[in-house]
Each structure stands twice: as C-alpha cells, then as structure tokens.
C-alpha atoms as a PDB file:
ATOM      1  CA  MET A   1       0.157   0.085   0.135  1.00  0.00           C
ATOM      2  CA  SER A   2       1.225   3.495  -1.147  1.00  0.00           C
ATOM      3  CA  ALA A   3       2.948   5.543   1.932  1.00  0.00           C
ATOM      4  CA  ARG A   4       0.625   8.578   0.626  1.00  0.00           C
ATOM      5  CA  ILE A   5      -2.526   6.275   1.954  1.00  0.00           C
ATOM      6  CA  VAL A   6      -1.001   4.725   4.994  1.00  0.00           C
ATOM      7  CA  SER A   7       0.324   7.827   6.491  1.00  0.00           C
ATOM      8  CA  PRO A   8      -3.345   9.570   7.185  1.00  0.00           C
ATOM      9  CA  LEU A   9      -4.449   5.998   8.330  1.00  0.00           C
ATOM     10  CA  VAL A  10      -1.506   6.149  10.862  1.00  0.00           C
ATOM     11  CA  ILE A  11      -2.320   9.815  11.884  1.00  0.00           C
ATOM     12  CA  CYS A  12      -6.047   8.958  12.281  1.00  0.00           C
ATOM     13  CA  ALA A  13      -5.346   5.837  14.415  1.00  0.00           C
ATOM     14  CA  ALA A  14      -2.805   7.785  16.682  1.00  0.00           C
ATOM     15  CA  ALA A  15      -5.435  10.589  17.177  1.00  0.00           C
ATOM     16  CA  LEU A  16      -8.128   7.927  18.257  1.00  0.00           C
ATOM     17  CA  LEU A  17      -5.603   6.218  20.602  1.00  0.00           C
ATOM     18  CA  PHE A  18      -4.849   9.634  22.216  1.00  0.00           C
ATOM     19  CA  ILE A  19      -8.295  10.101  22.927  1.00  0.00           C
ATOM     20  CA  ALA A  20      -8.841   6.820  24.412  1.00  0.00           C
ATOM     21  CA  LEU A  21      -6.012   7.187  26.557  1.00  0.00           C
ATOM     22  CA  GLU A  22      -6.761  10.456  27.903  1.00  0.00           C
ATOM     23  CA  ARG A  23      -9.961   9.273  29.215  1.00  0.00           C
ATOM     24  CA  VAL A  24      -8.049   6.594  31.041  1.00  0.00           C
ATOM     25  CA  PHE A  25      -4.787   8.178  32.149  1.00  0.00           C
ATOM     26  CA  PRO A  26      -5.821  12.045  32.092  1.00  0.00           C
ATOM     27  CA  TYR A  27      -3.104  14.527  33.821  1.00  0.00           C
ATOM     28  CA  ASP A  28      -5.777  16.741  34.360  1.00  0.00           C
ATOM     29  CA  ARG A  29      -9.135  15.372  35.282  1.00  0.00           C
ATOM     30  CA  GLY A  30     -12.314  16.499  34.048  1.00  0.00           C
ATOM     31  CA  GLN A  31     -10.989  18.062  30.895  1.00  0.00           C
ATOM     32  CA  LYS A  32     -13.724  17.697  27.973  1.00  0.00           C
ATOM     33  CA  VAL A  33     -12.931  16.021  24.859  1.00  0.00           C
ATOM     34  CA  PHE A  34     -14.972  18.806  23.077  1.00  0.00           C
ATOM     35  CA  ARG A  35     -13.303  21.621  24.930  1.00  0.00           C
ATOM     36  CA  GLN A  36     -13.701  25.401  23.909  1.00  0.00           C
ATOM     37  CA  GLY A  37     -12.093  25.880  20.597  1.00  0.00           C
ATOM     38  CA  PHE A  38     -12.305  22.177  19.637  1.00  0.00           C
ATOM     39  CA  TRP A  39     -13.822  22.642  16.037  1.00  0.00           C
ATOM     40  CA  THR A  40     -11.800  25.581  15.206  1.00  0.00           C
ATOM     41  CA  ASP A  41      -8.591  23.610  15.761  1.00  0.00           C
ATOM     42  CA  LEU A  42     -10.036  20.554  14.076  1.00  0.00           C
ATOM     43  CA  ILE A  43     -11.550  22.015  11.122  1.00  0.00           C
ATOM     44  CA  TRP A  44      -9.751  25.423  10.628  1.00  0.00           C
ATOM     45  CA  TYR A  45      -6.197  24.502  11.865  1.00  0.00           C
ATOM     46  CA  THR A  46      -5.958  21.010  11.376  1.00  0.00           C
ATOM     47  CA  ILE A  47      -7.698  20.760   7.940  1.00  0.00           C
ATOM     48  CA  PHE A  48      -7.830  23.818   6.109  1.00  0.00           C
ATOM     49  CA  GLN A  49      -4.840  25.522   7.121  1.00  0.00           C
ATOM     50  CA  SER A  50      -2.902  22.404   6.544  1.00  0.00           C
ATOM     51  CA  TYR A  51      -4.081  21.825   3.177  1.00  0.00           C
ATOM     52  CA  VAL A  52      -3.828  25.397   1.870  1.00  0.00           C
ATOM     53  CA  LEU A  53       0.031  26.049   3.499  1.00  0.00           C
ATOM     54  CA  ALA A  54       1.065  22.537   1.826  1.00  0.00           C
ATOM     55  CA  LEU A  55       0.282  24.044  -1.511  1.00  0.00           C
ATOM     56  CA  VAL A  56       1.970  27.012  -0.790  1.00  0.00           C
ATOM     57  CA  ILE A  57       5.021  25.488   0.721  1.00  0.00           C
ATOM     58  CA  ALA A  58       5.139  23.090  -1.962  1.00  0.00           C
ATOM     59  CA  ALA A  59       5.287  26.105  -4.832  1.00  0.00           C
ATOM     60  CA  ILE A  60       7.879  27.869  -2.791  1.00  0.00           C
ATOM     61  CA  ILE A  61       9.842  24.579  -2.950  1.00  0.00           C
ATOM     62  CA  GLU A  62       9.465  24.307  -6.562  1.00  0.00           C
ATOM     63  CA  TRP A  63       9.976  27.965  -7.336  1.00  0.00           C
ATOM     64  CA  THR A  64      13.230  27.537  -5.436  1.00  0.00           C
ATOM     65  CA  ASP A  65      14.520  24.175  -7.113  1.00  0.00           C
ATOM     66  CA  ASN A  66      13.636  25.325 -10.494  1.00  0.00           C
ATOM     67  CA  HIS A  67      15.834  28.530 -10.054  1.00  0.00           C
ATOM     68  CA  THR A  68      18.698  26.633  -8.219  1.00  0.00           C
ATOM     69  CA  GLY A  69      18.565  22.982  -9.765  1.00  0.00           C
ATOM     70  CA  MET A  70      19.929  21.694  -6.182  1.00  0.00           C
ATOM     71  CA  SER A  71      17.405  18.790  -6.405  1.00  0.00           C
ATOM     72  CA  ARG A  72      19.335  17.255  -9.680  1.00  0.00           C
ATOM     73  CA  LEU A  73      22.638  17.094  -7.547  1.00  0.00           C
ATOM     74  CA  HIS A  74      20.998  14.195  -5.501  1.00  0.00           C
ATOM     75  CA  LEU A  75      23.269  15.009  -2.664  1.00  0.00           C
ATOM     76  CA  VAL A  76      21.639  12.256  -0.005  1.00  0.00           C
ATOM     77  CA  SER A  77      19.940  10.222  -2.592  1.00  0.00           C
ATOM     78  CA  GLY A  78      22.376   7.596  -2.206  1.00  0.00           C
ATOM     79  CA  TRP A  79      21.955   7.258   1.381  1.00  0.00           C
ATOM     80  CA  PRO A  80      19.816   4.652   3.019  1.00  0.00           C
ATOM     81  CA  ILE A  81      15.936   5.810   3.719  1.00  0.00           C
ATOM     82  CA  ALA A  82      16.519   5.461   7.404  1.00  0.00           C
ATOM     83  CA  LEU A  83      19.305   7.302   7.455  1.00  0.00           C
ATOM     84  CA  GLN A  84      17.842  10.369   5.164  1.00  0.00           C
ATOM     85  CA  ALA A  85      14.776  10.289   7.674  1.00  0.00           C
ATOM     86  CA  LEU A  86      17.186  10.423  10.880  1.00  0.00           C
ATOM     87  CA  PHE A  87      19.198  13.296   9.349  1.00  0.00           C
ATOM     88  CA  PHE A  88      16.286  15.541   8.580  1.00  0.00           C
ATOM     89  CA  PHE A  89      14.799  14.504  11.770  1.00  0.00           C
ATOM     90  CA  VAL A  90      17.863  15.669  13.940  1.00  0.00           C
ATOM     91  CA  ILE A  91      18.744  18.614  12.013  1.00  0.00           C
ATOM     92  CA  HIS A  92      15.128  20.047  11.834  1.00  0.00           C
ATOM     93  CA  ASP A  93      14.601  19.310  15.404  1.00  0.00           C
ATOM     94  CA  PHE A  94      17.722  21.186  16.485  1.00  0.00           C
ATOM     95  CA  TYR A  95      16.737  24.161  14.479  1.00  0.00           C
ATOM     96  CA  ILE A  96      13.154  24.145  15.692  1.00  0.00           C
ATOM     97  CA  TYR A  97      14.368  24.078  19.401  1.00  0.00           C
ATOM     98  CA  TRP A  98      16.272  27.552  18.676  1.00  0.00           C
ATOM     99  CA  PHE A  99      13.697  29.293  16.907  1.00  0.00           C
ATOM    100  CA  HIS A 100      10.864  28.095  19.036  1.00  0.00           C
ATOM    101  CA  ARG A 101      13.282  29.767  22.111  1.00  0.00           C
ATOM    102  CA  LEU A 102      13.663  32.941  19.747  1.00  0.00           C
ATOM    103  CA  GLN A 103       9.851  33.124  19.463  1.00  0.00           C
ATOM    104  CA  HIS A 104       9.565  33.319  23.395  1.00  0.00           C
ATOM    105  CA  ASN A 105      12.242  36.272  23.486  1.00  0.00           C
ATOM    106  CA  SER A 106      11.396  38.362  20.445  1.00  0.00           C
ATOM    107  CA  LYS A 107       8.060  40.362  20.880  1.00  0.00           C
ATOM    108  CA  ILE A 108       7.718  40.273  17.013  1.00  0.00           C
ATOM    109  CA  LEU A 109       7.994  36.381  17.008  1.00  0.00           C
ATOM    110  CA  TRP A 110       6.101  35.955  19.988  1.00  0.00           C
ATOM    111  CA  ARG A 111       3.190  37.287  18.168  1.00  0.00           C
ATOM    112  CA  ILE A 112       2.608  34.555  15.815  1.00  0.00           C
ATOM    113  CA  HIS A 113       3.460  32.204  18.564  1.00  0.00           C
ATOM    114  CA  GLU A 114       0.930  33.434  20.681  1.00  0.00           C
ATOM    115  CA  ALA A 115      -2.285  31.546  18.991  1.00  0.00           C
ATOM    116  CA  HIS A 116      -0.354  28.337  20.114  1.00  0.00           C
ATOM    117  CA  HIS A 117      -0.259  29.055  23.471  1.00  0.00           C
ATOM    118  CA  SER A 118      -4.068  30.202  23.765  1.00  0.00           C
ATOM    119  CA  VAL A 119      -5.499  27.019  24.363  1.00  0.00           C
ATOM    120  CA  ARG A 120      -6.749  26.673  27.765  1.00  0.00           C
ATOM    121  CA  ASP A 121      -7.507  22.922  27.773  1.00  0.00           C
ATOM    122  CA  VAL A 122      -4.149  21.444  26.334  1.00  0.00           C
ATOM    123  CA  ASP A 123      -5.006  18.037  24.900  1.00  0.00           C
ATOM    124  CA  TRP A 124      -3.879  16.023  21.624  1.00  0.00           C
ATOM    125  CA  LEU A 125      -5.454  18.629  19.277  1.00  0.00           C
ATOM    126  CA  ALA A 126      -3.910  21.624  20.965  1.00  0.00           C
ATOM    127  CA  GLY A 127      -0.693  21.446  19.067  1.00  0.00           C
ATOM    128  CA  SER A 128      -2.398  22.139  15.582  1.00  0.00           C
ATOM    129  CA  ARG A 129      -3.435  25.733  16.868  1.00  0.00           C
ATOM    130  CA  SER A 130      -0.658  27.432  15.382  1.00  0.00           C
ATOM    131  CA  HIS A 131      -0.758  30.895  13.279  1.00  0.00           C
ATOM    132  CA  SER A 132      -0.076  30.439   9.594  1.00  0.00           C
ATOM    133  CA  LEU A 133       2.866  32.280   9.461  1.00  0.00           C
ATOM    134  CA  GLU A 134       4.543  30.252  12.087  1.00  0.00           C
ATOM    135  CA  ILE A 135       3.974  27.143  10.368  1.00  0.00           C
ATOM    136  CA  LEU A 136       4.722  28.670   6.839  1.00  0.00           C
ATOM    137  CA  ILE A 137       8.137  29.354   8.041  1.00  0.00           C
ATOM    138  CA  ASN A 138       8.714  26.167   9.976  1.00  0.00           C
ATOM    139  CA  GLN A 139       7.603  23.827   7.434  1.00  0.00           C
ATOM    140  CA  THR A 140       9.203  25.524   4.795  1.00  0.00           C
ATOM    141  CA  VAL A 141      12.582  25.427   6.598  1.00  0.00           C
ATOM    142  CA  GLU A 142      11.468  21.565   7.129  1.00  0.00           C
ATOM    143  CA  PHE A 143      10.831  20.289   3.927  1.00  0.00           C
ATOM    144  CA  MET A 144      12.699  22.612   1.517  1.00  0.00           C
ATOM    145  CA  PRO A 145      16.201  20.871   2.366  1.00  0.00           C
ATOM    146  CA  MET A 146      14.559  17.475   1.702  1.00  0.00           C
ATOM    147  CA  ALA A 147      13.685  18.581  -1.784  1.00  0.00           C
ATOM    148  CA  LEU A 148      16.984  20.456  -2.573  1.00  0.00           C
ATOM    149  CA  LEU A 149      19.339  17.563  -1.144  1.00  0.00           C
ATOM    150  CA  GLY A 150      17.670  15.193  -3.292  1.00  0.00           C
ATOM    151  CA  ALA A 151      15.877  12.956  -0.388  1.00  0.00           C
ATOM    152  CA  ALA A 152      13.683  10.001  -1.385  1.00  0.00           C
ATOM    153  CA  PRO A 153      10.020  10.972  -2.199  1.00  0.00           C
ATOM    154  CA  VAL A 154       9.022   8.574   0.956  1.00  0.00           C
ATOM    155  CA  VAL A 155      11.254  10.941   3.331  1.00  0.00           C
ATOM    156  CA  PRO A 156       8.987  13.918   3.889  1.00  0.00           C
ATOM    157  CA  ILE A 157       5.995  11.452   4.246  1.00  0.00           C
ATOM    158  CA  ILE A 158       7.672   9.669   7.064  1.00  0.00           C
ATOM    159  CA  LYS A 159       8.656  12.949   8.668  1.00  0.00           C
ATOM    160  CA  GLY A 160       5.116  14.384   8.321  1.00  0.00           C
ATOM    161  CA  VAL A 161       3.554  11.410  10.205  1.00  0.00           C
ATOM    162  CA  ILE A 162       6.389  11.777  13.017  1.00  0.00           C
ATOM    163  CA  ASP A 163       5.590  15.273  13.079  1.00  0.00           C
ATOM    164  CA  ALA A 164       1.909  14.986  13.531  1.00  0.00           C
ATOM    165  CA  VAL A 165       2.054  11.896  15.849  1.00  0.00           C
ATOM    166  CA  TRP A 166       4.674  13.406  17.937  1.00  0.00           C
ATOM    167  CA  GLY A 167       2.882  16.718  17.945  1.00  0.00           C
ATOM    168  CA  MET A 168      -0.087  15.008  19.270  1.00  0.00           C
ATOM    169  CA  TYR A 169       1.520  12.726  22.118  1.00  0.00           C
ATOM    170  CA  ILE A 170       3.156  15.951  23.554  1.00  0.00           C
ATOM    171  CA  HIS A 171       0.271  17.970  23.695  1.00  0.00           C
ATOM    172  CA  SER A 172      -1.957  15.095  24.928  1.00  0.00           C
ATOM    173  CA  ASN A 173      -3.701  15.261  28.469  1.00  0.00           C
ATOM    174  CA  LEU A 174      -1.562  12.066  29.426  1.00  0.00           C
ATOM    175  CA  ASP A 175      -0.141  11.555  33.076  1.00  0.00           C
ATOM    176  CA  VAL A 176       3.010  10.012  31.408  1.00  0.00           C
ATOM    177  CA  HIS A 177       6.025   9.063  33.618  1.00  0.00           C
ATOM    178  CA  THR A 178       9.110   8.406  31.304  1.00  0.00           C
ATOM    179  CA  GLY A 179      11.851   8.915  34.147  1.00  0.00           C
ATOM    180  CA  LYS A 180      15.395   9.072  32.666  1.00  0.00           C
ATOM    181  CA  LEU A 181      13.805   8.646  28.842  1.00  0.00           C
ATOM    182  CA  GLN A 182      12.653  12.202  29.355  1.00  0.00           C
ATOM    183  CA  ARG A 183      16.160  13.301  29.260  1.00  0.00           C
ATOM    184  CA  LEU A 184      16.197  12.365  25.490  1.00  0.00           C
ATOM    185  CA  ILE A 185      12.851  12.515  23.961  1.00  0.00           C
ATOM    186  CA  ASN A 186      10.164  15.013  25.098  1.00  0.00           C
ATOM    187  CA  GLY A 187       6.779  14.110  26.074  1.00  0.00           C
ATOM    188  CA  PRO A 188       3.742  15.699  28.033  1.00  0.00           C
ATOM    189  CA  GLU A 189       5.136  15.625  31.335  1.00  0.00           C
ATOM    190  CA  MET A 190       7.572  18.204  30.155  1.00  0.00           C
ATOM    191  CA  HIS A 191       5.485  19.988  27.566  1.00  0.00           C
ATOM    192  CA  ARG A 192       2.489  20.652  29.484  1.00  0.00           C
ATOM    193  CA  TRP A 193       4.717  23.061  31.751  1.00  0.00           C
ATOM    194  CA  HIS A 194       5.719  24.882  28.441  1.00  0.00           C
ATOM    195  CA  HIS A 195       2.168  25.815  28.303  1.00  0.00           C
ATOM    196  CA  ALA A 196       1.518  26.788  31.894  1.00  0.00           C
ATOM    197  CA  ILE A 197      -0.228  29.961  32.637  1.00  0.00           C
ATOM    198  CA  GLU A 198       2.715  30.501  35.038  1.00  0.00           C
ATOM    199  CA  ILE A 199       5.299  30.520  32.122  1.00  0.00           C
ATOM    200  CA  THR A 200       5.548  33.752  30.210  1.00  0.00           C
ATOM    201  CA  GLU A 201       7.399  35.070  27.109  1.00  0.00           C
ATOM    202  CA  GLY A 202      10.590  33.949  28.579  1.00  0.00           C
ATOM    203  CA  GLY A 203       9.633  30.251  28.504  1.00  0.00           C
ATOM    204  CA  ILE A 204      10.828  26.646  29.240  1.00  0.00           C
ATOM    205  CA  ASN A 205      11.057  23.394  27.750  1.00  0.00           C
ATOM    206  CA  PHE A 206      11.397  24.572  24.216  1.00  0.00           C
ATOM    207  CA  ALA A 207      11.968  21.028  22.672  1.00  0.00           C
ATOM    208  CA  THR A 208       9.335  19.404  20.493  1.00  0.00           C
ATOM    209  CA  LYS A 209      10.695  15.785  20.033  1.00  0.00           C
ATOM    210  CA  LEU A 210      14.375  15.547  21.249  1.00  0.00           C
ATOM    211  CA  ALA A 211      14.160  16.752  25.128  1.00  0.00           C
ATOM    212  CA  ILE A 212      17.945  16.503  25.063  1.00  0.00           C
ATOM    213  CA  TRP A 213      18.184  20.240  23.717  1.00  0.00           C
ATOM    214  CA  ASP A 214      16.597  21.716  26.736  1.00  0.00           C
ATOM    215  CA  TRP A 215      18.979  19.651  29.076  1.00  0.00           C
ATOM    216  CA  LEU A 216      22.207  20.548  27.014  1.00  0.00           C
ATOM    217  CA  PHE A 217      21.064  24.289  27.022  1.00  0.00           C
ATOM    218  CA  GLY A 218      19.681  24.710  30.224  1.00  0.00           C
ATOM    219  CA  THR A 219      16.010  25.375  29.537  1.00  0.00           C
ATOM    220  CA  ARG A 220      14.439  22.353  31.137  1.00  0.00           C
ATOM    221  CA  TYR A 221      11.770  22.540  33.812  1.00  0.00           C
ATOM    222  CA  LEU A 222       9.879  19.626  35.247  1.00  0.00           C
ATOM    223  CA  PRO A 223       8.993  20.484  39.004  1.00  0.00           C
ATOM    224  CA  ASP A 224       7.166  18.152  41.109  1.00  0.00           C
ATOM    225  CA  THR A 225       3.975  20.018  40.843  1.00  0.00           C
ATOM    226  CA  LYS A 226       1.002  20.690  38.575  1.00  0.00           C
ATOM    227  CA  PRO A 227       0.341  23.772  36.406  1.00  0.00           C
ATOM    228  CA  SER A 228      -2.380  25.907  37.643  1.00  0.00           C
ATOM    229  CA  GLY A 229      -3.645  26.247  34.246  1.00  0.00           C
ATOM    230  CA  TYR A 230      -3.077  26.683  30.538  1.00  0.00           C
ATOM    231  CA  GLY A 231      -3.206  29.690  28.212  1.00  0.00           C
ATOM    232  CA  LEU A 232      -2.216  33.492  28.343  1.00  0.00           C
ATOM    233  CA  LEU A 233      -2.331  35.857  31.005  1.00  0.00           C
ATOM    234  CA  GLY A 234      -3.617  39.251  30.443  1.00  0.00           C
ATOM    235  CA  VAL A 235      -4.562  38.582  26.821  1.00  0.00           C
ATOM    236  CA  GLU A 236      -8.437  38.196  26.072  1.00  0.00           C
ATOM    237  CA  PHE A 237      -7.528  35.796  22.878  1.00  0.00           C
ATOM    238  CA  PRO A 238     -10.479  35.793  20.157  1.00  0.00           C
ATOM    239  CA  LYS A 239     -12.323  32.678  19.340  1.00  0.00           C
ATOM    240  CA  ASN A 240     -12.546  33.139  15.379  1.00  0.00           C
ATOM    241  CA  TYR A 241     -10.076  31.528  13.172  1.00  0.00           C
ATOM    242  CA  PHE A 242      -9.524  34.446  11.157  1.00  0.00           C
ATOM    243  CA  VAL A 243      -9.855  37.181  13.767  1.00  0.00           C
ATOM    244  CA  GLN A 244      -7.121  35.235  15.629  1.00  0.00           C
ATOM    245  CA  HIS A 245      -4.856  35.549  12.736  1.00  0.00           C
ATOM    246  CA  ALA A 246      -5.461  39.133  12.389  1.00  0.00           C
ATOM    247  CA  PHE A 247      -4.785  39.628  16.471  1.00  0.00           C
ATOM    248  CA  ALA A 248      -1.341  38.909  15.950  1.00  0.00           C
ATOM    249  CA  PHE A 249      -0.916  42.162  14.234  1.00  0.00           C
ATOM    250  CA  ARG A 250      -2.562  44.430  16.894  1.00  0.00           C
ATOM    251  CA  LYS A 251      -0.756  47.089  18.136  1.00  0.00           C
ATOM    252  CA  PHE A 252       2.256  46.430  20.631  1.00  0.00           C
ATOM    253  CA  HIS A 253       0.900  48.753  23.792  1.00  0.00           C
ATOM    254  CA  ASP A 254      -2.299  46.372  23.827  1.00  0.00           C
ATOM    255  CA  ALA A 255      -0.379  43.805  25.237  1.00  0.00           C
ATOM    256  CA  ALA A 256      -0.808  43.553  29.140  1.00  0.00           C
ATOM    257  CA  PRO A 257       2.637  42.820  30.780  1.00  0.00           C
ATOM    258  CA  THR A 258       3.083  39.163  32.417  1.00  0.00           C
ATOM    259  CA  PRO A 259       5.311  38.140  35.439  1.00  0.00           C
ATOM    260  CA  GLU A 260       8.342  36.337  34.904  1.00  0.00           C
ATOM    261  CA  LEU A 261       8.814  32.755  36.271  1.00  0.00           C
ATOM    262  CA  GLU A 262      12.316  31.885  37.201  1.00  0.00           C
ATOM    263  CA  VAL A 263      13.395  28.381  35.981  1.00  0.00           C
ATOM    264  CA  ALA A 264      13.842  26.155  38.973  1.00  0.00           C
ATOM    265  CA  PRO A 265      15.788  22.888  39.529  1.00  0.00           C
ATOM    266  CA  VAL A 266      14.321  19.924  37.819  1.00  0.00           C
ATOM    267  CA  VAL A 267      12.693  17.215  39.470  1.00  0.00           C
ATOM    268  CA  VAL A 268      12.218  14.175  37.036  1.00  0.00           C
ATOM    269  CA  ASN A 269      10.740  11.600  39.562  1.00  0.00           C
ATOM    270  CA  ARG A 270       7.382  12.024  41.251  1.00  0.00           C
ATOM    271  CA  PRO A 271       7.811   9.971  44.624  1.00  0.00           C
ATOM    272  CA  GLY A 272       4.743   9.609  46.768  1.00  0.00           C
ATOM    273  CA  GLU A 273       2.261  10.498  44.503  1.00  0.00           C
ATOM    274  CA  SER A 274      -1.023   8.291  44.596  1.00  0.00           C
ATOM    275  CA  ARG A 275      -2.510   9.428  41.010  1.00  0.00           C
ATOM    276  CA  ASP A 276      -2.594   6.847  38.413  1.00  0.00           C
ATOM    277  CA  ILE A 277       0.406   6.979  36.140  1.00  0.00           C
ATOM    278  CA  PHE A 278       0.554   5.463  32.251  1.00  0.00           C
ATOM    279  CA  GLU A 279       3.963   4.100  32.312  1.00  0.00           C
ATOM    280  CA  VAL A 280       6.043   4.232  28.818  1.00  0.00           C
END
C-alpha cells in the first residue's frame, strides 16, 4: 500500500488512541473531549490551514528548485532511507528548538506564536493551533532541504507522520512518567509545563521531539507539581480563526505585561504520588 495512503491512516489511528488514553490516564481530570475551540482547531487549523499551506509551501520549494537546480545534484539520494529520515529529523529538531526559543524572547515572533499558547485545555489537538505564518516558516525550513538535497519521496511523508503523531503526543492530556527517558525524548510531562499559565514569554521546555536540547542548553523545567492552568495571562484571545490571525498584528501597547517565572531545579521523578500514571 502507498505511503501516501498509509500515512493519514496512521495519523487518524494515533488521534483515536490518544483520545482513548486521555480518558483512562488523564493528567488533568475532568478535561472535556470537545473543549472550547475544539472545532476551530480541528476544522480550520488541522484540515483547512494544513491543506492550504501544503500547497503554498510546495510552490515555494518548486520555485526555489527551478531556480537553483539543487535537487538534480542528489546530494543525499544515495543514503539509506532510514539515514535520510534520521538526518532531517535531527537537524530540523535542532533548528526548531532555537527558533521556538527565539519566539519566546522576541516580541515580534511571539505574536505569531501566541495563538499556540492560547489553548486553555491542552490536549492531543492543541498542537494544531499555530499561526499560519509560523507554520509557513517552520515547514518551509523543514521540507525545503529534503527536496533540494534530493531526499527520497517517502522521506517527507515519514517526517510528516512523525511530526503529526509526536505533536499530538506531547500535547496530550496524559499522565506520562518516562523517568530518565525524558532526558532524551520529549513528552507531555515536560511540554505541559511549557504551556503553563505561570510561564511567560521567557519560556522553558522548548524542545519538541528531542528533550535533550533543553537539558543541554539549560531550559528544562520539570517540578514535582502541576501547572495551575494553561493559556495566556492578560490577553483576551479571540475565538474566530480569521480574527485570531489578525490579532497577531495588533499594536504592541495593547498587550498587558505578565510576570516572569524563574526556572527552578528539575525533579524528574514524582515520589509519593497516589494518582494513576501511564508508564512508558
């Protein structure tokens, strides 16, 4: 069966799995499946925006290749498929850590990242809410090297599936305890703190897939407590998809100041807790 057919099936199956696991092993109990903004995130961000931006990004990459001819050099075409996928996985993850960190420390870039932090009930679908300009930048940077360096056609598909499934996983409302594994790969236990209402533009836990970047560069934060909530402080974020996009371009003095949170020492284990934990 074609990878183009298998990939959406894998993504849909993963979504159903995370929905089920969130009911059984919730991090925040009582969180609804159809929470506020669910349909906007599913229909407008996940389906409509993803489709439109895929066409735009493909056009940008094709135009670039037509004017450079780089793909005809086949610089990585002779590599094994697994090595190609691993190479692009690691270099993009390293890039996204630093760009993500920059977004939290730049008032201009924060505006196109703000939508992603506006979700008040972080779940498997919350990761899809990202401003189209943010996605346009990151996915062009992600997929253009694959095309220009001559990666096999299946590699972008593999990378796209990993992105989608991992994005659902780190945002899922799962009480996951990964212990020392959390030092290498990222999961909900650290990423939910990234969305915590206590955290402001300074930010912590910027990693998406490889948590090792946070540990190496001193931005990890994993206390033995739960966040008091998620979302934005001092900002009344609009509900309409198109208004949410326009909201990024409001005047800067309209944004209310928010307090800073000092990054505390990390506590990986959670001793003495009685709540259920889904072990990985």
